Amino acid sequence: MKSQKFTITADTGVHARPATLLVNKAGQYEADINLHYNGKSVNLKSIMGVMSLGIPKGGEIEISAEGNDEEQALEGLASVVKEHLGE
């Protein structure tokens, strides 16, 4: 399993549009991908799960992936986070 941490710097936090981008990107991979925030973990392939976390600006998240394409999944998701949400 691989994981990477990010800080959300977008003023609106993780709202519907970037959450949809993350879920769509996660759906391109076979690996099991989870989003961790504030002691909770959800399947990153579930828009309802991601939205239920209510991640604000300044939130520290971790994305973990486990499976055959876990490295590619993390690279792809990291690019979405960095382009739309933070660092």
N, C-alpha and C. Protein backbone atom coordinates (compact mmCIF):
# COMPACT_ATOMS: atom_id res chain seq x y z
N MET A 1 0.85 -1.18 0.00
CA MET A 1 0.00 0.00 0.00
C MET A 1 0.89 1.24 0.00
N LYS A 2 0.48 2.22 -0.77
CA LYS A 2 1.18 3.51 -0.84
C LYS A 2 0.20 4.59 -0.39
N SER A 3 0.75 5.67 0.17
CA SER A 3 -0.11 6.79 0.55
C SER A 3 0.67 8.10 0.43
N GLN A 4 -0.09 9.17 0.34
CA GLN A 4 0.52 10.50 0.23
C GLN A 4 -0.39 11.50 0.94
N LYS A 5 0.23 12.48 1.61
CA LYS A 5 -0.53 13.50 2.33
C LYS A 5 -0.54 14.81 1.55
N PHE A 6 -1.63 15.56 1.72
CA PHE A 6 -1.80 16.84 1.05
C PHE A 6 -2.47 17.82 2.00
N THR A 7 -2.25 19.11 1.75
CA THR A 7 -2.95 20.17 2.46
C THR A 7 -3.85 20.88 1.46
N ILE A 8 -5.11 21.03 1.81
CA ILE A 8 -6.07 21.69 0.93
C ILE A 8 -5.88 23.21 1.05
N THR A 9 -5.57 23.87 -0.07
CA THR A 9 -5.35 25.31 -0.06
C THR A 9 -6.44 26.07 -0.82
N ALA A 10 -7.33 25.36 -1.49
CA ALA A 10 -8.42 26.01 -2.22
C ALA A 10 -9.34 26.70 -1.21
N ASP A 11 -9.74 27.94 -1.52
CA ASP A 11 -10.58 28.71 -0.59
C ASP A 11 -11.88 28.00 -0.23
N THR A 12 -12.43 27.24 -1.16
CA THR A 12 -13.72 26.58 -0.94
C THR A 12 -13.58 25.17 -0.39
N GLY A 13 -12.35 24.72 -0.14
CA GLY A 13 -12.16 23.36 0.35
C GLY A 13 -12.49 22.35 -0.75
N VAL A 14 -12.85 21.15 -0.33
CA VAL A 14 -13.22 20.11 -1.30
C VAL A 14 -14.72 20.17 -1.51
N HIS A 15 -15.14 20.94 -2.53
CA HIS A 15 -16.56 21.06 -2.83
C HIS A 15 -16.89 20.15 -4.02
N ALA A 16 -18.09 20.24 -4.55
CA ALA A 16 -18.60 19.28 -5.52
C ALA A 16 -17.73 19.12 -6.77
N ARG A 17 -17.29 20.21 -7.38
CA ARG A 17 -16.56 20.09 -8.65
C ARG A 17 -15.22 19.37 -8.48
N PRO A 18 -14.34 19.81 -7.57
CA PRO A 18 -13.08 19.08 -7.41
C PRO A 18 -13.27 17.67 -6.85
N ALA A 19 -14.30 17.48 -6.02
CA ALA A 19 -14.58 16.14 -5.51
C ALA A 19 -14.93 15.21 -6.66
N THR A 20 -15.70 15.71 -7.62
CA THR A 20 -16.06 14.92 -8.80
C THR A 20 -14.82 14.59 -9.62
N LEU A 21 -13.91 15.55 -9.76
CA LEU A 21 -12.67 15.29 -10.50
C LEU A 21 -11.86 14.18 -9.82
N LEU A 22 -11.77 14.21 -8.50
CA LEU A 22 -11.03 13.18 -7.76
C LEU A 22 -11.68 11.81 -7.92
N VAL A 23 -13.00 11.76 -7.77
CA VAL A 23 -13.73 10.49 -7.87
C VAL A 23 -13.59 9.92 -9.28
N ASN A 24 -13.71 10.77 -10.29
CA ASN A 24 -13.58 10.30 -11.67
C ASN A 24 -12.17 9.78 -11.94
N LYS A 25 -11.15 10.46 -11.43
CA LYS A 25 -9.76 10.01 -11.60
C LYS A 25 -9.55 8.69 -10.87
N ALA A 26 -10.06 8.57 -9.65
CA ALA A 26 -9.90 7.33 -8.88
C ALA A 26 -10.55 6.15 -9.61
N GLY A 27 -11.66 6.42 -10.28
CA GLY A 27 -12.38 5.37 -11.01
C GLY A 27 -11.61 4.81 -12.19
N GLN A 28 -10.56 5.47 -12.60
CA GLN A 28 -9.75 5.01 -13.74
C GLN A 28 -8.77 3.91 -13.34
N TYR A 29 -8.67 3.62 -12.05
CA TYR A 29 -7.68 2.66 -11.57
C TYR A 29 -8.35 1.47 -10.90
N GLU A 30 -7.66 0.33 -10.94
CA GLU A 30 -8.17 -0.88 -10.31
C GLU A 30 -7.93 -0.90 -8.80
N ALA A 31 -6.92 -0.19 -8.35
CA ALA A 31 -6.53 -0.21 -6.94
C ALA A 31 -7.67 0.24 -6.04
N ASP A 32 -7.65 -0.25 -4.80
CA ASP A 32 -8.56 0.25 -3.77
C ASP A 32 -7.98 1.57 -3.29
N ILE A 33 -8.76 2.64 -3.40
CA ILE A 33 -8.26 3.97 -3.08
C ILE A 33 -9.14 4.59 -2.00
N ASN A 34 -8.51 5.07 -0.95
CA ASN A 34 -9.25 5.67 0.16
C ASN A 34 -8.74 7.08 0.45
N LEU A 35 -9.66 7.90 0.92
CA LEU A 35 -9.36 9.27 1.33
C LEU A 35 -9.54 9.33 2.85
N HIS A 36 -8.51 9.80 3.54
CA HIS A 36 -8.52 9.88 5.00
C HIS A 36 -8.50 11.35 5.41
N TYR A 37 -9.43 11.70 6.32
CA TYR A 37 -9.48 13.06 6.85
C TYR A 37 -10.08 13.03 8.23
N ASN A 38 -9.43 13.67 9.17
CA ASN A 38 -9.97 13.88 10.52
C ASN A 38 -10.41 12.57 11.18
N GLY A 39 -9.60 11.53 11.02
CA GLY A 39 -9.91 10.25 11.65
C GLY A 39 -10.92 9.40 10.91
N LYS A 40 -11.40 9.87 9.78
CA LYS A 40 -12.39 9.11 8.99
C LYS A 40 -11.75 8.69 7.67
N SER A 41 -12.25 7.59 7.13
CA SER A 41 -11.75 7.09 5.86
C SER A 41 -12.93 6.72 4.97
N VAL A 42 -12.87 7.16 3.70
CA VAL A 42 -13.94 6.82 2.75
C VAL A 42 -13.31 6.33 1.44
N ASN A 43 -14.11 5.58 0.70
CA ASN A 43 -13.71 5.12 -0.62
C ASN A 43 -13.67 6.33 -1.54
N LEU A 44 -12.52 6.58 -2.16
CA LEU A 44 -12.38 7.76 -3.03
C LEU A 44 -13.15 7.60 -4.34
N LYS A 45 -13.70 6.44 -4.58
CA LYS A 45 -14.51 6.23 -5.79
C LYS A 45 -15.99 6.53 -5.52
N SER A 46 -16.30 7.02 -4.32
CA SER A 46 -17.67 7.34 -3.92
C SER A 46 -17.82 8.85 -3.69
N ILE A 47 -18.56 9.51 -4.57
CA ILE A 47 -18.76 10.97 -4.43
C ILE A 47 -19.46 11.30 -3.11
N MET A 48 -20.41 10.49 -2.71
CA MET A 48 -21.13 10.76 -1.46
C MET A 48 -20.18 10.63 -0.26
N GLY A 49 -19.29 9.65 -0.31
CA GLY A 49 -18.33 9.48 0.77
C GLY A 49 -17.40 10.67 0.88
N VAL A 50 -16.88 11.12 -0.27
CA VAL A 50 -15.96 12.25 -0.27
C VAL A 50 -16.66 13.51 0.22
N MET A 51 -17.86 13.77 -0.25
CA MET A 51 -18.59 14.97 0.16
C MET A 51 -18.97 14.92 1.64
N SER A 52 -19.18 13.72 2.18
CA SER A 52 -19.58 13.59 3.58
C SER A 52 -18.48 14.03 4.54
N LEU A 53 -17.24 14.09 4.07
CA LEU A 53 -16.13 14.49 4.95
C LEU A 53 -16.11 15.99 5.21
N GLY A 54 -16.67 16.79 4.30
CA GLY A 54 -16.71 18.24 4.49
C GLY A 54 -15.33 18.85 4.70
N ILE A 55 -14.40 18.56 3.83
CA ILE A 55 -13.02 19.00 4.00
C ILE A 55 -12.87 20.49 3.68
N PRO A 56 -12.47 21.30 4.66
CA PRO A 56 -12.34 22.75 4.45
C PRO A 56 -10.94 23.15 3.99
N LYS A 57 -10.78 24.41 3.66
CA LYS A 57 -9.45 24.96 3.37
C LYS A 57 -8.57 24.73 4.60
N GLY A 58 -7.34 24.34 4.37
CA GLY A 58 -6.42 24.06 5.46
C GLY A 58 -6.49 22.62 5.95
N GLY A 59 -7.45 21.85 5.45
CA GLY A 59 -7.58 20.46 5.87
C GLY A 59 -6.40 19.61 5.41
N GLU A 60 -5.97 18.71 6.27
CA GLU A 60 -4.89 17.77 5.94
C GLU A 60 -5.54 16.45 5.55
N ILE A 61 -5.30 16.02 4.32
CA ILE A 61 -5.87 14.75 3.86
C ILE A 61 -4.75 13.78 3.52
N GLU A 62 -5.11 12.51 3.48
CA GLU A 62 -4.19 11.48 3.02
C GLU A 62 -4.94 10.59 2.04
N ILE A 63 -4.29 10.30 0.93
CA ILE A 63 -4.87 9.39 -0.06
C ILE A 63 -4.02 8.13 -0.04
N SER A 64 -4.69 6.98 0.11
CA SER A 64 -3.97 5.71 0.09
C SER A 64 -4.50 4.84 -1.04
N ALA A 65 -3.61 4.06 -1.62
CA ALA A 65 -3.99 3.17 -2.71
C ALA A 65 -3.32 1.82 -2.50
N GLU A 66 -4.07 0.76 -2.78
CA GLU A 66 -3.54 -0.59 -2.65
C GLU A 66 -4.03 -1.42 -3.82
N GLY A 67 -3.08 -1.96 -4.58
CA GLY A 67 -3.43 -2.78 -5.73
C GLY A 67 -2.36 -2.72 -6.80
N ASN A 68 -2.63 -3.37 -7.93
CA ASN A 68 -1.65 -3.48 -9.01
C ASN A 68 -1.17 -2.14 -9.53
N ASP A 69 -2.06 -1.16 -9.61
CA ASP A 69 -1.71 0.14 -10.19
C ASP A 69 -1.68 1.25 -9.14
N GLU A 70 -1.32 0.91 -7.91
CA GLU A 70 -1.36 1.89 -6.80
C GLU A 70 -0.45 3.08 -7.05
N GLU A 71 0.73 2.85 -7.61
CA GLU A 71 1.65 3.98 -7.85
C GLU A 71 1.09 4.93 -8.90
N GLN A 72 0.56 4.38 -9.99
CA GLN A 72 -0.04 5.22 -11.03
C GLN A 72 -1.25 5.97 -10.49
N ALA A 73 -2.03 5.31 -9.65
CA ALA A 73 -3.21 5.94 -9.06
C ALA A 73 -2.81 7.14 -8.21
N LEU A 74 -1.81 6.96 -7.36
CA LEU A 74 -1.38 8.07 -6.50
C LEU A 74 -0.81 9.22 -7.32
N GLU A 75 -0.05 8.90 -8.36
CA GLU A 75 0.49 9.96 -9.22
C GLU A 75 -0.63 10.74 -9.89
N GLY A 76 -1.62 10.04 -10.43
CA GLY A 76 -2.73 10.69 -11.10
C GLY A 76 -3.56 11.55 -10.15
N LEU A 77 -3.83 11.02 -8.96
CA LEU A 77 -4.62 11.76 -7.98
C LEU A 77 -3.84 12.95 -7.43
N ALA A 78 -2.54 12.79 -7.26
CA ALA A 78 -1.71 13.91 -6.78
C ALA A 78 -1.76 15.06 -7.77
N SER A 79 -1.76 14.75 -9.07
CA SER A 79 -1.82 15.83 -10.06
C SER A 79 -3.16 16.56 -10.01
N VAL A 80 -4.26 15.83 -9.75
CA VAL A 80 -5.57 16.47 -9.62
C VAL A 80 -5.60 17.37 -8.39
N VAL A 81 -5.09 16.86 -7.27
CA VAL A 81 -5.07 17.66 -6.02
C VAL A 81 -4.25 18.92 -6.24
N LYS A 82 -3.05 18.78 -6.80
CA LYS A 82 -2.17 19.94 -6.97
C LYS A 82 -2.73 20.95 -7.96
N GLU A 83 -3.45 20.49 -8.96
CA GLU A 83 -4.00 21.41 -9.95
C GLU A 83 -5.25 22.14 -9.45
N HIS A 84 -6.06 21.47 -8.63
CA HIS A 84 -7.36 22.03 -8.26
C HIS A 84 -7.57 22.32 -6.77
N LEU A 85 -6.78 21.68 -5.89
CA LEU A 85 -7.12 21.76 -4.48
C LEU A 85 -6.02 22.19 -3.52
N GLY A 86 -4.78 21.89 -3.83
CA GLY A 86 -3.76 22.22 -2.83
C GLY A 86 -2.41 21.70 -3.19
N GLU A 87 -1.70 21.24 -2.16
CA GLU A 87 -0.32 20.81 -2.35
C GLU A 87 -0.02 19.59 -1.52
